[in-house]
Structure formats: structure tokens, C-alpha cells
Amino acid sequence: SALDLVASPCSWVGCFPPMSSTGRSYYSRDEVAMVQGVWPVELLQDPRRQPRVLNTAGEFVKELLLGDHVEDFVVLPRGTELLDLSFQDSIPEDVRQC
């Protein structure tokens, strides 16, 4: 079952969990059970579908402009801070007013 594919519990708070060296995700059994039947668990655990986490604003801009990221998730933790974007720059006005 999909639950058997799970590695150790995720310890990465606030962002996508990284992949282990074996290519298995760090989703806990509880996390997998929570989405099972609602979301295709095999997509969450497919190494080809895991987000790529970048470390610098330069890497992110280069990926954005030159990379092949059409079906990828590219994450820049603390991206608004690293790209010097304000709350107003980052969040649409109608959402800010909620």
C-alpha cells in the first residue's frame, strides 16, 4: 500500500519536505493517511513530482527565466524576503483585505 512507501516523519515545517537520499519522501504515515482517497498519494511520493528547492534569489530568477519548469514545482524558501518583495507586492489586494 501507499503507507508502506513512507519514510520517517516530516520535520520540515512551513515548506515542502525534502527528498531523502533514497528518493522517498518524508511524509509521515499520518500525513499520507490524511490525503489518501482525496489526493493521489503516488503523486506526492513520486520523486519526479517533488519540488525543487532553491537557495538564492539568483538561482530562482535564473530558473524562472531560463529553466524548464513547466510541470515542476520550484520553491524559494523565504522568497519574498530574498527577492525584496513587500506584502503589497506579493499578495493581491482582494486577498489582503480578507
Protein backbone atom coordinates (compact mmCIF):
# COMPACT_ATOMS: atom_id res chain seq x y z
CA SER A 1 0.00 0.00 0.00
CA ALA A 2 0.99 3.64 -0.26
CA LEU A 3 1.51 3.75 3.50
CA ASP A 4 4.34 1.23 3.18
CA LEU A 5 6.29 3.65 0.95
CA VAL A 6 6.56 6.32 3.62
CA ALA A 7 9.89 7.14 5.19
CA SER A 8 10.39 8.92 8.51
CA PRO A 9 8.03 11.71 9.65
CA CYS A 10 8.42 15.12 8.05
CA SER A 11 10.38 17.53 10.20
CA TRP A 12 10.42 20.39 7.72
CA VAL A 13 7.85 22.90 8.99
CA GLY A 14 6.48 25.57 6.70
CA CYS A 15 7.68 24.24 3.38
CA PHE A 16 7.69 21.14 1.25
CA PRO A 17 9.68 18.27 2.73
CA PRO A 18 12.95 17.43 1.01
CA MET A 19 13.59 14.06 -0.58
CA SER A 20 15.71 11.53 1.22
CA SER A 21 18.80 10.08 -0.42
CA THR A 22 16.73 7.02 -1.37
CA GLY A 23 14.26 9.17 -3.30
CA ARG A 24 11.48 8.53 -0.79
CA SER A 25 9.55 11.44 0.64
CA TYR A 26 9.50 12.34 4.30
CA TYR A 27 5.71 12.30 4.59
CA SER A 28 4.64 10.63 7.81
CA ARG A 29 2.09 7.81 7.88
CA ASP A 30 -0.44 10.27 9.34
CA GLU A 31 0.16 12.77 6.56
CA VAL A 32 -0.29 10.09 3.90
CA ALA A 33 -3.44 8.77 5.62
CA MET A 34 -4.84 12.31 5.73
CA VAL A 35 -4.68 12.75 1.94
CA GLN A 36 -5.31 9.14 0.92
CA GLY A 37 -8.57 8.89 -1.01
CA VAL A 38 -8.60 12.66 -1.53
CA TRP A 39 -5.33 13.20 -3.37
CA PRO A 40 -3.32 10.71 -5.46
CA VAL A 41 -0.70 9.65 -2.89
CA GLU A 42 1.53 8.23 -5.63
CA LEU A 43 1.99 11.79 -6.96
CA LEU A 44 3.13 13.01 -3.54
CA GLN A 45 5.68 10.22 -3.36
CA ASP A 46 6.85 10.24 -6.97
CA PRO A 47 10.45 11.59 -6.99
CA ARG A 48 9.78 13.19 -10.39
CA ARG A 49 6.95 15.27 -8.84
CA GLN A 50 8.80 16.56 -5.78
CA PRO A 51 9.52 20.28 -5.61
CA ARG A 52 12.96 21.61 -6.35
CA VAL A 53 14.07 23.82 -3.50
CA LEU A 54 16.38 26.66 -4.49
CA ASN A 55 18.54 28.58 -2.05
CA THR A 56 19.15 32.03 -3.51
CA ALA A 57 17.25 34.73 -5.35
CA GLY A 58 19.75 34.39 -8.21
CA GLU A 59 19.04 30.68 -8.61
CA PHE A 60 15.29 31.39 -8.59
CA VAL A 61 15.47 34.17 -11.18
CA LYS A 62 17.73 32.07 -13.42
CA GLU A 63 15.28 29.14 -13.17
CA LEU A 64 12.33 31.42 -13.83
CA LEU A 65 13.92 32.95 -16.92
CA LEU A 66 15.90 30.04 -18.37
CA GLY A 67 14.73 26.83 -16.73
CA ASP A 68 12.43 24.09 -17.93
CA HIS A 69 9.92 24.22 -15.09
CA VAL A 70 6.56 23.88 -16.88
CA GLU A 71 5.47 20.81 -14.88
CA ASP A 72 7.73 21.37 -11.88
CA PHE A 73 7.27 22.98 -8.51
CA VAL A 74 10.11 25.37 -7.77
CA VAL A 75 10.29 26.69 -4.21
CA LEU A 76 12.38 29.51 -2.82
CA PRO A 77 12.01 29.43 0.97
CA ARG A 78 11.75 32.99 2.33
CA GLY A 79 11.39 34.04 -1.32
CA THR A 80 9.58 37.31 -0.70
CA GLU A 81 12.34 38.34 1.70
CA LEU A 82 15.15 37.19 -0.62
CA LEU A 83 13.55 38.91 -3.62
CA ASP A 84 12.84 42.04 -1.53
CA LEU A 85 9.10 41.89 -2.20
CA SER A 86 6.71 43.60 0.17
CA PHE A 87 3.39 42.24 1.39
CA GLN A 88 1.67 44.55 -1.10
CA ASP A 89 3.87 43.28 -3.95
CA SER A 90 3.26 39.64 -3.10
CA ILE A 91 -0.44 39.37 -2.20
CA PRO A 92 -3.29 40.58 -4.43
CA GLU A 93 -5.31 43.44 -2.92
CA ASP A 94 -8.56 41.48 -2.65
CA VAL A 95 -6.78 38.76 -0.65
CA ARG A 96 -5.02 41.31 1.57
CA GLN A 97 -8.42 42.74 2.52
CA CYS A 98 -9.81 39.38 3.70
